[in-house]
Every structure is written in structure tokens, then in C-alpha cells.
N, C-alpha and C. Protein backbone atom coordinates (compact mmCIF):
# COMPACT_ATOMS: atom_id res chain seq x y z
N MET A 1 -31.48 19.03 -43.87
CA MET A 1 -30.04 19.18 -43.78
C MET A 1 -29.53 18.19 -42.71
N THR A 2 -28.44 17.52 -42.99
CA THR A 2 -27.90 16.53 -42.06
C THR A 2 -27.11 17.22 -40.96
N PHE A 3 -26.84 16.46 -39.93
CA PHE A 3 -26.05 16.96 -38.80
C PHE A 3 -24.70 17.48 -39.28
N GLU A 4 -24.04 16.70 -40.10
CA GLU A 4 -22.71 17.07 -40.60
C GLU A 4 -22.75 18.35 -41.42
N GLU A 5 -23.78 18.50 -42.27
CA GLU A 5 -23.91 19.71 -43.08
C GLU A 5 -24.13 20.94 -42.21
N GLU A 6 -24.98 20.80 -41.20
CA GLU A 6 -25.21 21.93 -40.29
C GLU A 6 -23.92 22.28 -39.55
N LEU A 7 -23.20 21.27 -39.12
CA LEU A 7 -21.95 21.49 -38.39
C LEU A 7 -20.93 22.21 -39.26
N VAL A 8 -20.80 21.80 -40.51
CA VAL A 8 -19.88 22.47 -41.44
C VAL A 8 -20.32 23.92 -41.66
N GLY A 9 -21.62 24.16 -41.72
CA GLY A 9 -22.13 25.52 -41.89
C GLY A 9 -21.81 26.43 -40.71
N LEU A 10 -21.62 25.84 -39.53
CA LEU A 10 -21.27 26.62 -38.34
C LEU A 10 -19.78 26.92 -38.23
N ARG A 11 -18.98 26.27 -39.08
CA ARG A 11 -17.52 26.38 -38.99
C ARG A 11 -17.01 27.83 -38.95
N PRO A 12 -17.46 28.73 -39.83
CA PRO A 12 -16.93 30.10 -39.78
C PRO A 12 -17.26 30.81 -38.46
N HIS A 13 -18.44 30.57 -37.93
CA HIS A 13 -18.83 31.20 -36.66
C HIS A 13 -18.01 30.63 -35.50
N LEU A 14 -17.82 29.32 -35.54
CA LEU A 14 -17.01 28.68 -34.51
C LEU A 14 -15.55 29.15 -34.58
N PHE A 15 -15.05 29.32 -35.81
CA PHE A 15 -13.67 29.78 -35.96
C PHE A 15 -13.50 31.19 -35.38
N ARG A 16 -14.47 32.07 -35.64
CA ARG A 16 -14.40 33.43 -35.08
C ARG A 16 -14.35 33.40 -33.56
N GLN A 17 -15.19 32.56 -32.97
CA GLN A 17 -15.19 32.46 -31.51
C GLN A 17 -13.89 31.85 -31.01
N ALA A 18 -13.38 30.87 -31.74
CA ALA A 18 -12.11 30.24 -31.36
C ALA A 18 -10.97 31.27 -31.42
N MET A 19 -11.01 32.16 -32.40
CA MET A 19 -9.99 33.22 -32.49
C MET A 19 -10.06 34.16 -31.29
N LYS A 20 -11.27 34.48 -30.87
CA LYS A 20 -11.43 35.35 -29.70
C LYS A 20 -10.84 34.70 -28.46
N LEU A 21 -11.01 33.39 -28.36
CA LEU A 21 -10.51 32.69 -27.18
C LEU A 21 -9.01 32.41 -27.27
N ALA A 22 -8.58 31.83 -28.39
CA ALA A 22 -7.19 31.39 -28.52
C ALA A 22 -6.23 32.53 -28.85
N ARG A 23 -6.70 33.53 -29.58
CA ARG A 23 -5.94 34.72 -29.95
C ARG A 23 -4.81 34.49 -30.95
N THR A 24 -4.68 33.27 -31.44
CA THR A 24 -3.73 32.99 -32.53
C THR A 24 -4.44 32.10 -33.54
N ILE A 25 -4.00 32.17 -34.79
CA ILE A 25 -4.63 31.36 -35.83
C ILE A 25 -4.40 29.87 -35.55
N ASP A 26 -3.16 29.52 -35.20
CA ASP A 26 -2.87 28.11 -34.92
C ASP A 26 -3.70 27.60 -33.75
N GLY A 27 -3.76 28.39 -32.71
CA GLY A 27 -4.55 27.99 -31.54
C GLY A 27 -6.02 27.86 -31.86
N ALA A 28 -6.53 28.79 -32.67
CA ALA A 28 -7.95 28.75 -33.05
C ALA A 28 -8.24 27.54 -33.93
N GLU A 29 -7.33 27.24 -34.86
CA GLU A 29 -7.54 26.07 -35.72
C GLU A 29 -7.53 24.78 -34.91
N ASP A 30 -6.60 24.68 -33.96
CA ASP A 30 -6.55 23.50 -33.10
C ASP A 30 -7.83 23.38 -32.28
N LEU A 31 -8.26 24.50 -31.72
CA LEU A 31 -9.48 24.50 -30.91
C LEU A 31 -10.70 24.14 -31.75
N LEU A 32 -10.77 24.67 -32.95
CA LEU A 32 -11.87 24.35 -33.85
C LEU A 32 -11.87 22.88 -34.23
N GLN A 33 -10.70 22.35 -34.54
CA GLN A 33 -10.61 20.93 -34.89
C GLN A 33 -11.05 20.05 -33.72
N ASP A 34 -10.57 20.35 -32.53
CA ASP A 34 -10.98 19.58 -31.35
C ASP A 34 -12.48 19.65 -31.13
N THR A 35 -13.05 20.82 -31.37
CA THR A 35 -14.50 21.01 -31.21
C THR A 35 -15.27 20.19 -32.22
N MET A 36 -14.84 20.24 -33.47
CA MET A 36 -15.54 19.49 -34.53
C MET A 36 -15.46 17.98 -34.26
N VAL A 37 -14.30 17.50 -33.87
CA VAL A 37 -14.13 16.08 -33.57
C VAL A 37 -15.03 15.68 -32.41
N ARG A 38 -15.04 16.49 -31.38
CA ARG A 38 -15.87 16.19 -30.20
C ARG A 38 -17.36 16.20 -30.58
N ALA A 39 -17.77 17.17 -31.38
CA ALA A 39 -19.18 17.25 -31.81
C ALA A 39 -19.57 16.02 -32.63
N LEU A 40 -18.71 15.63 -33.55
CA LEU A 40 -19.00 14.46 -34.38
C LEU A 40 -19.00 13.17 -33.55
N THR A 41 -18.07 13.07 -32.63
CA THR A 41 -17.99 11.88 -31.78
C THR A 41 -19.21 11.75 -30.88
N ASN A 42 -19.72 12.87 -30.42
CA ASN A 42 -20.83 12.86 -29.47
C ASN A 42 -22.16 13.28 -30.09
N ARG A 43 -22.29 13.14 -31.39
CA ARG A 43 -23.51 13.59 -32.06
C ARG A 43 -24.76 12.86 -31.57
N THR A 44 -24.59 11.68 -31.00
CA THR A 44 -25.76 10.96 -30.47
C THR A 44 -26.32 11.66 -29.24
N GLN A 45 -25.53 12.51 -28.61
CA GLN A 45 -26.01 13.25 -27.43
C GLN A 45 -26.77 14.51 -27.82
N PHE A 46 -26.65 14.92 -29.08
CA PHE A 46 -27.37 16.10 -29.55
C PHE A 46 -28.82 15.71 -29.83
N ARG A 47 -29.73 16.54 -29.31
CA ARG A 47 -31.16 16.28 -29.53
C ARG A 47 -31.63 17.05 -30.76
N PRO A 48 -32.08 16.35 -31.79
CA PRO A 48 -32.58 17.04 -32.99
C PRO A 48 -33.72 17.99 -32.62
N GLY A 49 -33.73 19.13 -33.27
CA GLY A 49 -34.75 20.15 -32.98
C GLY A 49 -34.27 21.19 -31.99
N THR A 50 -33.13 20.93 -31.33
CA THR A 50 -32.56 21.93 -30.43
C THR A 50 -31.51 22.73 -31.19
N ASN A 51 -30.89 23.67 -30.53
CA ASN A 51 -29.98 24.61 -31.17
C ASN A 51 -28.58 24.01 -31.30
N LEU A 52 -28.22 23.61 -32.50
CA LEU A 52 -26.90 23.02 -32.75
C LEU A 52 -25.80 24.04 -32.51
N ALA A 53 -26.03 25.28 -32.87
CA ALA A 53 -25.00 26.31 -32.68
C ALA A 53 -24.67 26.46 -31.19
N ALA A 54 -25.68 26.54 -30.36
CA ALA A 54 -25.44 26.67 -28.92
C ALA A 54 -24.70 25.45 -28.39
N TRP A 55 -25.08 24.28 -28.86
CA TRP A 55 -24.45 23.04 -28.42
C TRP A 55 -22.97 23.02 -28.78
N THR A 56 -22.64 23.40 -30.02
CA THR A 56 -21.25 23.38 -30.45
C THR A 56 -20.43 24.51 -29.82
N PHE A 57 -21.06 25.67 -29.60
CA PHE A 57 -20.33 26.74 -28.93
C PHE A 57 -20.00 26.34 -27.49
N THR A 58 -20.88 25.59 -26.86
CA THR A 58 -20.59 25.09 -25.51
C THR A 58 -19.42 24.12 -25.55
N ILE A 59 -19.40 23.25 -26.54
CA ILE A 59 -18.27 22.33 -26.69
C ILE A 59 -16.98 23.12 -26.89
N LEU A 60 -17.03 24.13 -27.75
CA LEU A 60 -15.86 24.97 -28.02
C LEU A 60 -15.33 25.61 -26.74
N ARG A 61 -16.24 26.21 -25.99
CA ARG A 61 -15.84 26.87 -24.74
C ARG A 61 -15.24 25.86 -23.77
N ASN A 62 -15.89 24.70 -23.62
CA ASN A 62 -15.38 23.69 -22.70
C ASN A 62 -14.03 23.14 -23.14
N GLN A 63 -13.85 22.98 -24.44
CA GLN A 63 -12.54 22.54 -24.96
C GLN A 63 -11.46 23.57 -24.61
N PHE A 64 -11.80 24.85 -24.79
CA PHE A 64 -10.84 25.91 -24.49
C PHE A 64 -10.47 25.88 -23.00
N ILE A 65 -11.47 25.80 -22.14
CA ILE A 65 -11.22 25.78 -20.70
C ILE A 65 -10.37 24.57 -20.32
N SER A 66 -10.71 23.42 -20.87
CA SER A 66 -9.94 22.21 -20.57
C SER A 66 -8.49 22.35 -21.02
N SER A 67 -8.29 22.94 -22.18
CA SER A 67 -6.91 23.10 -22.66
C SER A 67 -6.14 24.08 -21.79
N LYS A 68 -6.79 25.12 -21.32
CA LYS A 68 -6.11 26.08 -20.45
C LYS A 68 -5.78 25.46 -19.11
N ARG A 69 -6.67 24.65 -18.59
CA ARG A 69 -6.37 23.95 -17.33
C ARG A 69 -5.18 23.01 -17.52
N ARG A 70 -5.20 22.29 -18.63
CA ARG A 70 -4.13 21.35 -18.92
C ARG A 70 -2.81 22.10 -19.12
N ASP A 71 -2.84 23.17 -19.90
CA ASP A 71 -1.64 23.95 -20.17
C ASP A 71 -1.17 24.71 -18.93
N GLY A 72 -2.10 25.06 -18.07
CA GLY A 72 -1.77 25.86 -16.89
C GLY A 72 -0.97 25.12 -15.85
N ARG A 73 -0.91 23.80 -15.98
CA ARG A 73 -0.16 23.02 -15.01
C ARG A 73 1.34 23.19 -15.17
N ILE A 74 1.75 23.59 -16.37
CA ILE A 74 3.17 23.79 -16.65
C ILE A 74 3.35 25.23 -17.08
N LEU A 75 4.18 25.95 -16.35
CA LEU A 75 4.38 27.37 -16.65
C LEU A 75 5.86 27.61 -16.87
N ASP A 76 6.20 28.08 -18.07
CA ASP A 76 7.58 28.43 -18.38
C ASP A 76 7.80 29.85 -17.89
N ASP A 77 8.55 30.00 -16.83
CA ASP A 77 8.74 31.31 -16.19
C ASP A 77 10.18 31.47 -15.74
N PRO A 78 11.13 31.53 -16.70
CA PRO A 78 12.54 31.56 -16.31
C PRO A 78 12.95 32.79 -15.51
N ASP A 79 12.32 33.93 -15.75
CA ASP A 79 12.71 35.15 -15.03
C ASP A 79 11.78 35.47 -13.86
N ASP A 80 10.91 34.54 -13.48
CA ASP A 80 9.97 34.70 -12.36
C ASP A 80 9.01 35.87 -12.54
N HIS A 81 8.77 36.29 -13.78
CA HIS A 81 7.86 37.41 -14.03
C HIS A 81 6.44 37.07 -13.58
N HIS A 82 5.94 35.90 -13.99
CA HIS A 82 4.57 35.50 -13.64
C HIS A 82 4.45 35.20 -12.14
N THR A 83 5.48 34.58 -11.60
CA THR A 83 5.45 34.26 -10.17
C THR A 83 5.37 35.53 -9.33
N MET A 84 6.15 36.53 -9.69
CA MET A 84 6.12 37.79 -8.94
C MET A 84 4.79 38.52 -9.12
N ALA A 85 4.18 38.39 -10.30
CA ALA A 85 2.89 39.04 -10.54
C ALA A 85 1.79 38.41 -9.70
N MET A 86 1.94 37.13 -9.37
CA MET A 86 0.91 36.46 -8.58
C MET A 86 1.14 36.60 -7.08
N ALA A 87 2.29 37.11 -6.67
CA ALA A 87 2.57 37.27 -5.25
C ALA A 87 1.64 38.31 -4.65
N MET A 88 1.23 38.07 -3.41
CA MET A 88 0.35 39.03 -2.75
C MET A 88 0.69 39.11 -1.28
N ASP A 89 0.23 40.20 -0.66
CA ASP A 89 0.48 40.40 0.76
C ASP A 89 -0.25 39.37 1.59
N ALA A 90 0.22 39.22 2.80
CA ALA A 90 -0.46 38.30 3.72
C ALA A 90 -1.89 38.78 3.93
N PRO A 91 -2.85 37.86 3.91
CA PRO A 91 -4.26 38.26 3.96
C PRO A 91 -4.69 38.92 5.27
N GLN A 92 -3.94 38.74 6.35
CA GLN A 92 -4.37 39.33 7.62
C GLN A 92 -4.16 40.84 7.66
N GLU A 93 -3.25 41.38 6.86
CA GLU A 93 -3.01 42.82 6.89
C GLU A 93 -4.21 43.64 6.46
N PRO A 94 -4.85 43.33 5.33
CA PRO A 94 -6.04 44.10 4.96
C PRO A 94 -7.16 43.98 5.99
N ARG A 95 -7.30 42.80 6.60
CA ARG A 95 -8.33 42.64 7.62
C ARG A 95 -8.05 43.52 8.82
N GLU A 96 -6.79 43.60 9.20
CA GLU A 96 -6.43 44.47 10.33
C GLU A 96 -6.69 45.93 9.99
N ASP A 97 -6.35 46.32 8.77
CA ASP A 97 -6.62 47.70 8.35
C ASP A 97 -8.11 48.00 8.38
N PHE A 98 -8.90 47.03 7.94
CA PHE A 98 -10.35 47.23 7.93
C PHE A 98 -10.89 47.33 9.36
N ARG A 99 -10.37 46.50 10.25
CA ARG A 99 -10.80 46.59 11.66
C ARG A 99 -10.44 47.95 12.25
N ASP A 100 -9.24 48.43 11.93
CA ASP A 100 -8.84 49.76 12.41
C ASP A 100 -9.79 50.82 11.88
N PHE A 101 -10.14 50.71 10.60
CA PHE A 101 -11.07 51.67 10.02
C PHE A 101 -12.43 51.60 10.72
N LEU A 102 -12.95 50.39 10.93
CA LEU A 102 -14.25 50.25 11.59
C LEU A 102 -14.22 50.81 13.01
N ASP A 103 -13.14 50.53 13.73
CA ASP A 103 -13.01 51.06 15.10
C ASP A 103 -13.05 52.59 15.08
N ALA A 104 -12.36 53.19 14.12
CA ALA A 104 -12.35 54.65 14.02
C ALA A 104 -13.70 55.17 13.54
N PHE A 105 -14.33 54.47 12.60
CA PHE A 105 -15.61 54.90 12.04
C PHE A 105 -16.70 54.95 13.10
N ILE A 106 -16.75 53.94 13.97
CA ILE A 106 -17.83 53.91 14.96
C ILE A 106 -17.64 54.95 16.07
N THR A 107 -16.46 55.54 16.16
CA THR A 107 -16.27 56.61 17.14
C THR A 107 -16.78 57.95 16.61
N LEU A 108 -17.04 58.04 15.31
CA LEU A 108 -17.57 59.29 14.74
C LEU A 108 -19.01 59.51 15.22
N PRO A 109 -19.40 60.77 15.34
CA PRO A 109 -20.81 61.03 15.66
C PRO A 109 -21.71 60.44 14.57
N LEU A 110 -22.92 60.03 14.94
CA LEU A 110 -23.84 59.36 14.04
C LEU A 110 -24.11 60.19 12.78
N LYS A 111 -24.23 61.49 12.92
CA LYS A 111 -24.52 62.35 11.76
C LYS A 111 -23.37 62.30 10.75
N MET A 112 -22.14 62.26 11.24
CA MET A 112 -20.98 62.16 10.35
C MET A 112 -20.93 60.77 9.71
N GLN A 113 -21.25 59.74 10.49
CA GLN A 113 -21.26 58.38 9.96
C GLN A 113 -22.24 58.27 8.79
N GLN A 114 -23.44 58.81 8.98
CA GLN A 114 -24.45 58.74 7.92
C GLN A 114 -23.98 59.43 6.65
N ALA A 115 -23.45 60.64 6.80
CA ALA A 115 -23.01 61.40 5.63
C ALA A 115 -21.86 60.69 4.91
N LEU A 116 -20.89 60.22 5.67
CA LEU A 116 -19.75 59.55 5.07
C LEU A 116 -20.16 58.21 4.43
N TYR A 117 -21.07 57.51 5.06
CA TYR A 117 -21.56 56.25 4.51
C TYR A 117 -22.24 56.48 3.16
N LEU A 118 -23.10 57.47 3.08
CA LEU A 118 -23.83 57.73 1.83
C LEU A 118 -22.90 58.21 0.72
N VAL A 119 -21.99 59.10 1.05
CA VAL A 119 -21.12 59.70 0.02
C VAL A 119 -19.87 58.85 -0.23
N GLY A 120 -19.19 58.48 0.84
CA GLY A 120 -17.92 57.78 0.70
C GLY A 120 -18.04 56.32 0.38
N LEU A 121 -19.02 55.64 0.97
CA LEU A 121 -19.12 54.21 0.76
C LEU A 121 -20.10 53.84 -0.35
N LEU A 122 -21.27 54.42 -0.32
CA LEU A 122 -22.27 54.09 -1.34
C LEU A 122 -22.09 54.87 -2.63
N GLY A 123 -21.29 55.94 -2.59
CA GLY A 123 -20.97 56.69 -3.80
C GLY A 123 -22.03 57.67 -4.27
N HIS A 124 -22.94 58.06 -3.38
CA HIS A 124 -23.95 59.04 -3.77
C HIS A 124 -23.32 60.42 -3.89
N GLU A 125 -23.89 61.24 -4.75
CA GLU A 125 -23.46 62.64 -4.86
C GLU A 125 -23.90 63.36 -3.59
N TYR A 126 -23.24 64.49 -3.32
CA TYR A 126 -23.60 65.25 -2.13
C TYR A 126 -25.07 65.66 -2.15
N GLY A 127 -25.55 66.07 -3.32
CA GLY A 127 -26.94 66.49 -3.46
C GLY A 127 -27.92 65.36 -3.16
N GLU A 128 -27.58 64.16 -3.65
CA GLU A 128 -28.44 63.00 -3.38
C GLU A 128 -28.49 62.67 -1.90
N ALA A 129 -27.30 62.69 -1.27
CA ALA A 129 -27.24 62.42 0.17
C ALA A 129 -28.01 63.47 0.95
N ALA A 130 -27.91 64.72 0.50
CA ALA A 130 -28.64 65.80 1.18
C ALA A 130 -30.14 65.57 1.10
N GLU A 131 -30.62 65.14 -0.07
CA GLU A 131 -32.05 64.84 -0.22
C GLU A 131 -32.47 63.68 0.67
N MET A 132 -31.65 62.65 0.73
CA MET A 132 -31.98 61.48 1.54
C MET A 132 -32.10 61.82 3.02
N LEU A 133 -31.20 62.70 3.47
CA LEU A 133 -31.19 63.07 4.89
C LEU A 133 -31.98 64.34 5.16
N ASP A 134 -32.56 64.93 4.11
CA ASP A 134 -33.36 66.14 4.22
C ASP A 134 -32.55 67.27 4.88
N LEU A 135 -31.35 67.49 4.32
CA LEU A 135 -30.43 68.51 4.81
C LEU A 135 -29.90 69.31 3.64
N PRO A 136 -29.36 70.51 3.91
CA PRO A 136 -28.71 71.26 2.84
C PRO A 136 -27.44 70.55 2.36
N GLU A 137 -27.11 70.72 1.09
CA GLU A 137 -25.93 70.06 0.52
C GLU A 137 -24.65 70.50 1.23
N GLY A 138 -24.58 71.76 1.60
CA GLY A 138 -23.40 72.26 2.31
C GLY A 138 -23.17 71.55 3.64
N THR A 139 -24.25 71.20 4.31
CA THR A 139 -24.14 70.49 5.59
C THR A 139 -23.54 69.10 5.36
N ILE A 140 -23.97 68.44 4.30
CA ILE A 140 -23.43 67.11 3.97
C ILE A 140 -21.94 67.22 3.65
N LYS A 141 -21.59 68.21 2.84
CA LYS A 141 -20.18 68.40 2.48
C LYS A 141 -19.33 68.63 3.73
N SER A 142 -19.83 69.43 4.62
CA SER A 142 -19.12 69.73 5.85
C SER A 142 -18.95 68.48 6.71
N ARG A 143 -20.03 67.72 6.86
CA ARG A 143 -19.96 66.50 7.69
C ARG A 143 -19.00 65.47 7.10
N VAL A 144 -19.04 65.31 5.80
CA VAL A 144 -18.14 64.35 5.15
C VAL A 144 -16.69 64.80 5.32
N SER A 145 -16.44 66.09 5.12
CA SER A 145 -15.08 66.61 5.26
C SER A 145 -14.56 66.42 6.68
N ARG A 146 -15.39 66.77 7.67
CA ARG A 146 -14.96 66.60 9.07
C ARG A 146 -14.78 65.13 9.42
N ALA A 147 -15.64 64.27 8.90
CA ALA A 147 -15.52 62.83 9.17
C ALA A 147 -14.22 62.28 8.58
N ARG A 148 -13.90 62.68 7.37
CA ARG A 148 -12.65 62.22 6.74
C ARG A 148 -11.43 62.70 7.51
N THR A 149 -11.48 63.94 7.96
CA THR A 149 -10.37 64.49 8.74
C THR A 149 -10.18 63.70 10.04
N LYS A 150 -11.28 63.43 10.73
CA LYS A 150 -11.20 62.68 11.98
C LYS A 150 -10.70 61.26 11.75
N LEU A 151 -11.16 60.63 10.68
CA LEU A 151 -10.68 59.28 10.37
C LEU A 151 -9.21 59.27 10.04
N GLU A 152 -8.78 60.25 9.27
CA GLU A 152 -7.36 60.33 8.91
C GLU A 152 -6.49 60.46 10.15
N LYS A 153 -6.90 61.32 11.08
CA LYS A 153 -6.15 61.48 12.33
C LYS A 153 -6.15 60.19 13.15
N ALA A 154 -7.29 59.51 13.20
CA ALA A 154 -7.41 58.30 13.99
C ALA A 154 -6.57 57.15 13.40
N LEU A 155 -6.40 57.15 12.09
CA LEU A 155 -5.71 56.04 11.44
C LEU A 155 -4.23 56.28 11.22
N THR A 156 -3.73 57.45 11.58
CA THR A 156 -2.28 57.71 11.42
C THR A 156 -1.55 57.61 12.72
């Protein structure tokens, strides 16, 4: 089978992937056409015996990314909807909040720190944390509750 015949045989699979990326028929057809042209133009770079499908899917993906970069330079946003969605708080505020949390956390007794770290930060169940620390589950629940209360008071 020739290169061109194999490429044509991949067309339906490439079109499906193009639809997933472009999300419109027109966009997918344009993306597919650009991919086929690029594959035919650069067929000397394809090594016979390797996976043509993988090679063309890579071209398809790269074409899509390139088109999005190119299209992304111009944004039609008359009502500032996209601009407002991209707005974010000043980056120093979350850092300050985190420092405040750390300052309050290190003032907790070590036993409370351990329990809160295992349950609150690492997401372990109370029973798992109890096994890790070789304590009753009720003790872990109590320590986590008291630690959260102390942190809440320290941070307000």
C-alpha cells in the first residue's frame, strides 16, 4: 500500500479526532485538510515501517495547537466577558493568607498538628489516621476538632 493510500485510509479516524478538537464540522474539515496537506508535503520525513497513524495524529494535534495560538492573538470581546473571567486577585494575598495559616498551625500542640495534617491536609479518614498514630479514632476526631477551632480563632 502506498503512502497516499494509507493516508486516505486514516481520514475517517483523523476527522473524528479533528471533531473532538475543533468541535465544529467546518473547523474539523479545515483542520483535517491542513493535516493532510502537511503530511503530504512532509512525507519524506516519515520513516517507512513506523506508525503512520501516530505520525499524522501528531501533525493534527500540532496543527490544532498552532491554529489556537494564532487565533488566540485576537480576541473579540465587546462586553469584556472573557477579560473579566481572566481577572484574578493580586498574587501576594494568598501567600499572606498561607503565611498566617502556617504561623497559626505551628502554635498548635504537636499532637494536634499531626492529627490535623493527616486528616485535613493529606485527606486520610479518621480511622486511617488513628491506625497510623496508634490511637483510638475518637482521640483523632477530638484532636482535629480542637485544632480546627484553635486555628479558626487564630485566623479571625
